[in-house]
Amino acid sequence: MNRAACTIVSPNYLAYARTLGASYLRAHPGHRFFVLIVANLTDATPFLGGSFEPVMLHEIGVADLRAEAMKYDILELNTNVKPAFMLHLLAKHQLDTLVYLDPDIYVYAPLEPVFEVLDAGASAVLTPHMTTPVWDGKAPGEQDLLVNGTYNLGFIAVSSSEESRKLLQWWDVRCLEAGYSEGRSGLFVDQKWINMVPGLFADVHISRNAGLNMAYWNIHERGIQTTAEGYMVENANTAPVPLRFFHFSGIVVTDESVLSKHTNRYTLASRPDLTQLFADYKAAVRAEKAAASAAESLPYGFDALSDGTTITRLARRIYAAHQKHFVGTDPFDANGPFAKFAKQQKLVAGVVAPAKETWKDFNPRDRRVDTVHKLFGWALKLVGPHKYELLMRYFGHISILRNQSVFLRDARWPEEGK
């Protein structure tokens, strides 16, 4: 069998890919491991010499790549080229099976349960985020998965069947056309689309094996037992099984106490069964960071216009909504039509990207927030409850950045000025 695995990173995440690749190949001698480098780079030389075979973004055949790189931010682009990358590897290397793993995964034992079902005729293998209900008011819960997706796409495995190719081709179109991280419109990059896959395609296997894709989102149902043979996963519904791979999503490698930035259900202090597992992984990534520091410092290159102006998410979304007005032009060219339009409409400003803020940084006691709340209160009294509800629905609509074009109705698009 001609088997391989792959992952996708931008240069700043290279140490994770190196750690993953080494772990996969130790468990699967004779396999190949590929890493797609998502950046505005064409020279693979800085990425050679590791435990993987680098593939540069321009090699995988994405049509109008620079347009896609403008539409999507770094997270979105890394996830949305996944099916194109997998199709490229299957065709170029005539693979029988291909496994995709997120870079923040570590492989502890061979993925035999995956290969067994693929060899038996499955077109693809998926793993659900969780297999046991949880309703405790903590994150992540079942409602979070309604937003982010039933299946975790840090892992997917496919065969070389015609059905798997149809699946990947369908997924590729959806990712490149509508792979936004946009919860208000029901989208979450590549992952949310996969909710539909078991219903649309034949022979898709949903694995409930507790040793596959263990992570912060399912540790309420799984525990680790250390044995002479390695790590075993304990689960109330099944006998202990080998830990095949752990997904360290949200990890902070410089802080020994953090389990994941994305959960408040557990800490490493409350889960001593995970302490050594996390300590060893963090040390491994830090060692790879020291070895890969030069390559990790290479620029992503799709985060600014050619004159250094930082590209905002608002600019990306307006470009995506009106891409037809800029066909055949380079959206990153500071002298091109989109850059001129974005600057004229104040969609971009300056060369220094502001610090990234999240809801954790939101202060409901800020005086400006209090003023907004008072304005909403006055609006309710002014228009009444029924029209106020309609107003809130409208705000929900325009809060999707692609719909902010309502403010650009008087804008002259490039061809209108000719």
Protein backbone atom coordinates (compact mmCIF):
# COMPACT_ATOMS: atom_id res chain seq x y z
CA MET A 1 0.00 0.00 0.00
CA ASN A 2 1.20 3.48 -0.89
CA ARG A 3 0.25 5.48 2.20
CA ALA A 4 0.97 9.05 3.25
CA ALA A 5 -0.09 11.73 5.69
CA CYS A 6 0.00 15.51 5.51
CA THR A 7 -0.55 18.77 7.33
CA ILE A 8 -0.73 22.49 6.50
CA VAL A 9 1.09 25.41 8.13
CA SER A 10 2.29 28.92 7.56
CA PRO A 11 5.95 29.47 8.47
CA ASN A 12 5.21 30.67 12.01
CA TYR A 13 3.76 27.24 12.85
CA LEU A 14 6.56 25.18 11.33
CA ALA A 15 7.78 23.71 14.64
CA TYR A 16 4.40 22.04 15.14
CA ALA A 17 4.55 20.45 11.70
CA ARG A 18 8.06 19.16 12.36
CA THR A 19 6.95 17.67 15.69
CA LEU A 20 3.92 16.03 14.10
CA GLY A 21 5.83 14.70 11.09
CA ALA A 22 8.49 13.06 13.26
CA SER A 23 5.85 11.43 15.47
CA TYR A 24 3.86 10.14 12.50
CA LEU A 25 6.87 8.63 10.75
CA ARG A 26 8.09 6.95 13.95
CA ALA A 27 4.73 5.20 14.16
CA HIS A 28 4.57 4.54 10.40
CA PRO A 29 8.01 3.76 8.97
CA GLY A 30 7.83 3.56 5.19
CA HIS A 31 5.05 6.14 4.87
CA ARG A 32 5.56 9.63 3.47
CA PHE A 33 4.67 12.87 5.21
CA PHE A 34 3.96 16.12 3.34
CA VAL A 35 3.61 19.68 4.63
CA LEU A 36 1.93 22.44 2.64
CA ILE A 37 3.57 25.82 3.31
CA VAL A 38 0.89 28.51 3.09
CA ALA A 39 2.71 31.76 2.41
CA ASN A 40 3.64 34.10 -0.42
CA LEU A 41 6.84 32.11 -0.98
CA THR A 42 8.03 29.89 -3.82
CA ASP A 43 11.41 28.66 -2.58
CA ALA A 44 11.17 25.44 -0.55
CA THR A 45 14.84 25.50 0.49
CA PRO A 46 14.28 26.91 4.03
CA PHE A 47 11.88 24.04 4.77
CA LEU A 48 14.11 21.17 3.66
CA GLY A 49 15.96 18.88 6.03
CA GLY A 50 13.10 18.04 8.37
CA SER A 51 11.03 14.91 8.76
CA PHE A 52 8.70 15.87 5.93
CA GLU A 53 8.49 16.78 2.25
CA PRO A 54 7.53 20.46 1.81
CA VAL A 55 5.01 21.54 -0.81
CA MET A 56 4.68 25.22 -1.67
CA LEU A 57 1.24 26.77 -1.99
CA HIS A 58 1.58 27.71 -5.67
CA GLU A 59 2.20 24.05 -6.57
CA ILE A 60 -1.24 22.65 -5.71
CA GLY A 61 -3.19 24.26 -8.55
CA VAL A 62 -5.57 26.67 -6.78
CA ALA A 63 -7.11 28.87 -9.46
CA ASP A 64 -6.55 32.61 -8.93
CA LEU A 65 -4.55 31.98 -5.78
CA ARG A 66 -3.94 35.66 -4.98
CA ALA A 67 -7.66 36.34 -5.04
CA GLU A 68 -8.23 33.51 -2.56
CA ALA A 69 -5.42 34.86 -0.38
CA MET A 70 -7.13 38.25 -0.32
CA LYS A 71 -10.58 36.84 0.46
CA TYR A 72 -9.40 34.84 3.44
CA ASP A 73 -7.25 35.57 6.48
CA ILE A 74 -4.39 33.28 7.51
CA LEU A 75 -6.54 30.80 9.45
CA GLU A 76 -9.16 30.62 6.72
CA LEU A 77 -6.66 30.19 3.89
CA ASN A 78 -4.77 27.44 5.74
CA THR A 79 -7.97 25.46 6.24
CA ASN A 80 -9.65 26.18 2.92
CA VAL A 81 -6.84 24.84 0.73
CA LYS A 82 -7.02 21.48 2.51
CA PRO A 83 -9.12 19.59 -0.08
CA ALA A 84 -7.08 21.05 -2.97
CA PHE A 85 -3.88 19.90 -1.26
CA MET A 86 -5.25 16.42 -0.67
CA LEU A 87 -6.43 16.10 -4.27
CA HIS A 88 -2.99 17.22 -5.44
CA LEU A 89 -1.17 14.62 -3.30
CA LEU A 90 -3.49 11.76 -4.27
CA ALA A 91 -3.02 12.46 -7.98
CA LYS A 92 0.67 13.33 -8.05
CA HIS A 93 1.89 10.49 -5.85
CA GLN A 94 -0.72 7.86 -6.77
CA LEU A 95 -1.52 7.22 -3.12
CA ASP A 96 -3.80 4.45 -1.91
CA THR A 97 -4.65 6.25 1.33
CA LEU A 98 -4.05 9.76 2.61
CA VAL A 99 -4.43 11.06 6.18
CA TYR A 100 -4.70 14.74 7.02
CA LEU A 101 -3.70 15.80 10.55
CA ASP A 102 -3.66 19.29 12.04
CA PRO A 103 -0.12 20.43 12.93
CA ASP A 104 -0.86 20.58 16.68
CA ILE A 105 -1.36 16.80 16.80
CA TYR A 106 1.05 14.16 18.07
CA VAL A 107 0.88 10.53 16.97
CA TYR A 108 1.52 7.92 19.67
CA ALA A 109 0.62 4.66 17.92
CA PRO A 110 -0.08 3.44 14.37
CA LEU A 111 -3.41 4.50 12.91
CA GLU A 112 -4.39 0.92 12.09
CA PRO A 113 -8.11 1.37 12.90
CA VAL A 114 -8.18 4.05 10.19
CA PHE A 115 -6.35 2.03 7.55
CA GLU A 116 -8.44 -1.08 8.27
CA VAL A 117 -11.72 0.64 7.36
CA LEU A 118 -10.20 2.41 4.34
CA ASP A 119 -8.79 -0.89 3.05
CA ALA A 120 -12.22 -2.46 3.59
CA GLY A 121 -13.86 0.04 1.24
CA ALA A 122 -14.53 3.25 3.17
CA SER A 123 -14.19 6.39 1.08
CA ALA A 124 -13.36 8.56 4.09
CA VAL A 125 -12.99 8.40 7.86
CA LEU A 126 -14.26 11.15 10.18
CA THR A 127 -14.21 11.57 13.96
CA PRO A 128 -16.98 13.39 15.87
CA HIS A 129 -15.90 16.00 18.39
CA MET A 130 -17.54 13.99 21.15
CA THR A 131 -19.45 10.75 21.56
CA THR A 132 -20.94 11.39 25.02
CA PRO A 133 -23.36 14.23 25.85
CA VAL A 134 -22.17 17.11 28.05
CA TRP A 135 -24.46 19.84 29.40
CA ASP A 136 -22.69 21.53 32.30
CA GLY A 137 -22.62 25.18 31.24
CA LYS A 138 -18.91 25.05 30.44
CA ALA A 139 -17.05 25.26 27.15
CA PRO A 140 -17.04 23.56 24.80
CA GLY A 141 -20.56 22.22 25.06
CA GLU A 142 -23.04 20.80 22.64
CA GLN A 143 -24.19 24.27 21.56
CA ASP A 144 -20.61 25.15 20.60
CA LEU A 145 -20.58 22.17 18.27
CA LEU A 146 -23.79 23.36 16.63
CA VAL A 147 -21.77 26.46 15.71
CA ASN A 148 -18.42 24.86 14.86
CA GLY A 149 -19.44 21.50 13.42
CA THR A 150 -20.14 17.91 14.42
CA TYR A 151 -16.85 16.50 13.13
CA ASN A 152 -13.38 17.78 13.93
CA LEU A 153 -11.48 18.41 10.72
CA GLY A 154 -8.12 18.33 12.42
CA PHE A 155 -8.36 14.79 11.07
CA ILE A 156 -9.73 13.25 7.92
CA ALA A 157 -8.54 10.18 6.05
CA VAL A 158 -9.47 9.18 2.52
CA SER A 159 -8.89 6.34 0.11
CA SER A 160 -8.10 6.77 -3.56
CA SER A 161 -11.62 5.78 -4.60
CA GLU A 162 -13.81 7.63 -7.05
CA GLU A 163 -16.21 8.47 -4.21
CA SER A 164 -13.46 10.06 -2.13
CA ARG A 165 -12.40 12.16 -5.10
CA LYS A 166 -15.98 13.35 -5.57
CA LEU A 167 -16.10 14.23 -1.88
CA LEU A 168 -12.86 16.21 -2.03
CA GLN A 169 -13.87 18.01 -5.23
CA TRP A 170 -17.23 19.01 -3.70
CA TRP A 171 -15.49 20.17 -0.51
CA ASP A 172 -12.86 22.10 -2.48
CA VAL A 173 -15.48 24.22 -4.26
CA ARG A 174 -17.30 25.00 -1.00
CA CYS A 175 -14.10 25.93 0.82
CA LEU A 176 -12.80 28.25 -1.88
CA GLU A 177 -16.15 29.90 -2.53
CA ALA A 178 -17.56 30.12 1.02
CA GLY A 179 -14.98 29.01 3.57
CA TYR A 180 -15.42 31.94 5.92
CA SER A 181 -15.11 31.91 9.69
CA GLU A 182 -18.52 33.49 9.95
CA GLY A 183 -20.73 31.99 12.61
CA ARG A 184 -23.61 34.41 12.00
CA SER A 185 -24.13 32.96 8.53
CA GLY A 186 -23.65 29.35 9.61
CA LEU A 187 -20.14 29.02 8.18
CA PHE A 188 -16.96 27.87 9.87
CA VAL A 189 -14.11 27.49 7.37
CA ASP A 190 -13.68 23.95 6.02
CA GLN A 191 -15.15 22.20 9.05
CA LYS A 192 -18.84 23.07 8.99
CA TRP A 193 -19.30 21.78 5.43
CA ILE A 194 -18.37 18.28 6.57
CA ASN A 195 -21.62 18.04 8.57
CA MET A 196 -23.23 17.23 5.22
CA VAL A 197 -20.73 14.63 4.03
CA PRO A 198 -22.20 11.45 5.58
CA GLY A 199 -25.52 12.24 3.92
CA LEU A 200 -24.11 13.24 0.53
CA PHE A 201 -21.42 10.62 -0.10
CA ALA A 202 -21.29 6.84 0.17
CA ASP A 203 -19.10 4.70 2.40
CA VAL A 204 -18.13 7.47 4.84
CA HIS A 205 -17.04 5.87 8.10
CA ILE A 206 -17.61 7.74 11.39
CA SER A 207 -15.14 6.38 13.90
CA ARG A 208 -16.01 6.44 17.60
CA ASN A 209 -12.64 4.93 18.54
CA ALA A 210 -11.64 6.78 21.74
CA GLY A 211 -7.96 6.63 20.81
CA LEU A 212 -8.45 8.81 17.73
CA ASN A 213 -8.49 12.61 18.01
CA MET A 214 -8.55 12.91 21.78
CA ALA A 215 -8.61 16.62 22.65
CA TYR A 216 -9.95 19.23 25.04
CA TRP A 217 -13.44 18.92 23.54
CA ASN A 218 -13.86 15.24 24.47
CA ILE A 219 -11.77 14.74 27.61
CA HIS A 220 -14.96 14.77 29.70
CA GLU A 221 -15.50 11.26 28.33
CA ARG A 222 -11.89 10.05 28.10
CA GLY A 223 -8.98 9.59 30.48
CA ILE A 224 -5.35 8.57 30.02
CA GLN A 225 -3.75 5.57 31.67
CA THR A 226 0.02 5.14 31.41
CA THR A 227 1.13 1.55 30.88
CA ALA A 228 4.33 -0.27 29.95
CA GLU A 229 2.97 -0.52 26.37
CA GLY A 230 2.22 3.21 26.15
CA TYR A 231 -0.76 5.47 26.73
CA MET A 232 -4.20 3.87 26.91
CA VAL A 233 -7.50 5.74 26.69
CA GLU A 234 -10.14 4.86 29.24
CA ASN A 235 -13.75 5.36 28.25
CA ALA A 236 -16.88 4.37 30.17
CA ASN A 237 -18.47 2.91 27.03
CA THR A 238 -15.60 0.68 25.88
CA ALA A 239 -12.58 -1.23 27.10
CA PRO A 240 -9.30 0.78 27.19
CA VAL A 241 -7.80 1.34 23.75
CA PRO A 242 -4.37 2.63 22.67
CA LEU A 243 -4.02 6.40 22.30
CA ARG A 244 -3.41 6.80 18.57
CA PHE A 245 -3.14 10.58 18.47
CA PHE A 246 -3.86 13.54 20.72
CA HIS A 247 -4.93 16.90 19.34
CA PHE A 248 -3.31 19.68 21.42
CA SER A 249 -5.59 22.44 20.10
CA GLY A 250 -5.30 25.74 21.94
CA ILE A 251 -2.07 24.77 23.65
CA VAL A 252 0.36 27.34 25.07
CA VAL A 253 3.80 25.74 24.83
CA THR A 254 5.43 28.41 27.00
CA ASP A 255 3.05 27.85 29.93
CA GLU A 256 3.21 24.47 31.64
CA SER A 257 -0.13 25.01 33.40
CA VAL A 258 -2.39 25.61 30.38
CA LEU A 259 -4.39 22.70 28.96
CA SER A 260 -6.09 24.74 26.22
CA LYS A 261 -7.06 28.35 25.68
CA HIS A 262 -10.44 27.17 24.41
CA THR A 263 -11.87 25.39 27.45
CA ASN A 264 -12.85 26.27 31.00
CA ARG A 265 -13.97 22.78 31.92
CA TYR A 266 -10.56 21.46 32.96
CA THR A 267 -7.05 22.62 33.72
CA LEU A 268 -3.94 20.48 33.83
CA ALA A 269 -4.09 20.79 37.62
CA SER A 270 -7.52 19.13 37.59
CA ARG A 271 -6.45 16.46 35.10
CA PRO A 272 -3.23 14.89 36.45
CA ASP A 273 -3.64 12.01 33.99
CA LEU A 274 -2.71 14.47 31.21
CA THR A 275 0.17 16.26 32.94
CA GLN A 276 3.06 14.20 31.58
CA LEU A 277 1.53 13.94 28.12
CA PHE A 278 1.32 17.73 27.87
CA ALA A 279 4.74 18.38 29.42
CA ASP A 280 6.45 16.06 26.94
CA TYR A 281 4.63 17.55 23.96
CA LYS A 282 5.37 21.15 24.94
CA ALA A 283 9.04 20.29 25.38
CA ALA A 284 9.12 18.63 21.95
CA VAL A 285 7.60 21.68 20.24
CA ARG A 286 9.94 24.08 22.04
CA ALA A 287 12.92 22.02 20.86
CA GLU A 288 11.68 22.16 17.28
CA LYS A 289 11.12 25.91 17.58
CA ALA A 290 14.77 26.34 18.47
CA ALA A 291 15.78 24.26 15.44
CA ALA A 292 13.38 25.96 13.02
CA SER A 293 13.61 29.57 14.19
CA ALA A 294 15.00 30.94 10.91
CA ALA A 295 12.26 29.39 8.77
CA GLU A 296 9.55 30.30 11.30
CA SER A 297 10.53 33.97 10.98
CA LEU A 298 9.79 34.03 7.25
CA PRO A 299 6.83 36.28 6.43
CA TYR A 300 3.36 35.01 5.62
CA GLY A 301 3.19 37.65 2.90
CA PHE A 302 -0.58 37.78 2.36
CA ASP A 303 -1.30 40.12 5.28
CA ALA A 304 -0.38 43.44 3.63
CA LEU A 305 -0.54 45.31 0.35
CA SER A 306 2.67 45.73 -1.63
CA ASP A 307 3.34 49.07 0.09
CA GLY A 308 3.04 47.51 3.55
CA THR A 309 -0.51 48.65 4.30
CA THR A 310 -2.13 46.11 6.64
CA ILE A 311 -5.13 44.32 5.14
CA THR A 312 -8.11 44.34 7.49
CA ARG A 313 -10.75 41.64 7.70
CA LEU A 314 -13.31 44.24 6.56
CA ALA A 315 -11.28 44.86 3.40
CA ARG A 316 -11.08 41.12 2.74
CA ARG A 317 -14.84 40.68 3.14
CA ILE A 318 -15.70 43.60 0.87
CA TYR A 319 -13.29 42.22 -1.72
CA ALA A 320 -14.94 38.79 -1.46
CA ALA A 321 -18.42 40.25 -1.89
CA HIS A 322 -17.42 42.31 -4.95
CA GLN A 323 -14.60 40.28 -6.46
CA LYS A 324 -16.17 40.51 -9.91
CA HIS A 325 -15.16 44.19 -10.06
CA PHE A 326 -11.47 43.31 -9.72
CA VAL A 327 -11.10 40.29 -12.00
CA GLY A 328 -7.73 40.07 -13.73
CA THR A 329 -5.97 42.40 -11.30
CA ASP A 330 -3.65 41.71 -8.38
CA PRO A 331 -5.53 42.65 -5.19
CA PHE A 332 -2.24 43.05 -3.29
CA ASP A 333 -0.84 45.65 -5.72
CA ALA A 334 -0.81 48.97 -3.83
CA ASN A 335 -1.32 50.77 -7.17
CA GLY A 336 -4.03 48.42 -8.35
CA PRO A 337 -7.77 49.08 -8.47
CA PHE A 338 -8.69 47.22 -5.28
CA ALA A 339 -6.00 48.87 -3.17
CA LYS A 340 -7.05 52.30 -4.42
CA PHE A 341 -10.69 51.49 -3.74
CA ALA A 342 -9.95 50.14 -0.24
CA LYS A 343 -7.96 53.23 0.69
CA GLN A 344 -10.57 55.59 -0.75
CA GLN A 345 -13.33 53.86 1.23
CA LYS A 346 -11.22 53.73 4.43
CA LEU A 347 -11.30 49.93 4.49
CA VAL A 348 -7.59 49.92 5.37
CA ALA A 349 -5.49 52.29 7.45
CA GLY A 350 -1.81 52.22 8.23
CA VAL A 351 0.92 49.62 8.21
CA VAL A 352 0.75 48.48 11.83
CA ALA A 353 -1.79 45.77 12.58
CA PRO A 354 -3.70 46.44 15.82
CA ALA A 355 -3.48 43.90 18.62
CA LYS A 356 -6.00 41.11 18.11
CA GLU A 357 -8.96 41.42 20.43
CA THR A 358 -11.54 38.80 21.43
CA TRP A 359 -14.74 38.76 23.46
CA LYS A 360 -12.54 38.15 26.51
CA ASP A 361 -11.28 41.72 26.06
CA PHE A 362 -14.81 43.14 25.95
CA ASN A 363 -15.64 45.39 28.91
CA PRO A 364 -19.42 45.69 29.39
CA ARG A 365 -18.83 48.49 31.92
CA ASP A 366 -17.05 50.74 29.41
CA ARG A 367 -18.79 54.13 29.24
CA ARG A 368 -18.99 53.90 25.46
CA VAL A 369 -20.80 50.56 25.74
CA ASP A 370 -23.18 52.09 28.28
CA THR A 371 -23.93 54.88 25.81
CA VAL A 372 -24.77 52.34 23.08
CA HIS A 373 -27.07 50.50 25.47
CA LYS A 374 -28.91 53.75 26.22
CA LEU A 375 -29.31 54.41 22.49
CA PHE A 376 -30.89 50.98 22.05
CA GLY A 377 -33.19 51.70 24.98
CA TRP A 378 -34.32 54.94 23.38
CA ALA A 379 -34.83 53.17 20.04
CA LEU A 380 -37.10 50.60 21.73
CA LYS A 381 -39.24 53.35 23.26
CA LEU A 382 -39.31 55.28 19.98
CA VAL A 383 -40.29 52.53 17.50
CA GLY A 384 -41.95 49.95 19.75
CA PRO A 385 -41.18 46.26 20.28
CA HIS A 386 -42.15 44.95 16.82
CA LYS A 387 -40.09 47.38 14.75
CA TYR A 388 -37.30 47.16 17.32
CA GLU A 389 -37.11 43.40 16.69
CA LEU A 390 -36.89 44.10 12.94
CA LEU A 391 -34.11 46.62 13.63
CA MET A 392 -32.15 43.99 15.59
CA ARG A 393 -32.55 41.52 12.72
CA TYR A 394 -31.15 44.17 10.38
CA PHE A 395 -28.18 44.74 12.69
CA GLY A 396 -27.60 40.98 12.65
CA HIS A 397 -27.55 41.10 8.85
CA ILE A 398 -25.04 43.93 8.51
CA SER A 399 -22.86 42.56 11.32
CA ILE A 400 -21.70 40.05 8.71
CA LEU A 401 -18.80 41.98 7.21
CA ARG A 402 -19.56 40.89 3.65
CA ASN A 403 -22.87 42.73 3.98
CA GLN A 404 -21.24 46.00 4.99
CA SER A 405 -21.40 47.02 1.33
CA VAL A 406 -24.61 48.84 2.22
CA PHE A 407 -22.34 51.69 3.28
CA LEU A 408 -20.64 51.71 -0.13
CA ARG A 409 -23.68 52.27 -2.31
CA ASP A 410 -22.31 55.58 -3.51
CA ALA A 411 -18.89 54.11 -4.23
CA ARG A 412 -17.74 54.04 -7.85
CA TRP A 413 -16.44 50.60 -8.78
CA PRO A 414 -13.34 50.48 -10.99
CA GLU A 415 -15.04 49.80 -14.32
CA GLU A 416 -17.62 52.51 -13.68
CA GLY A 417 -14.84 55.09 -13.78
CA LYS A 418 -13.63 54.06 -17.22
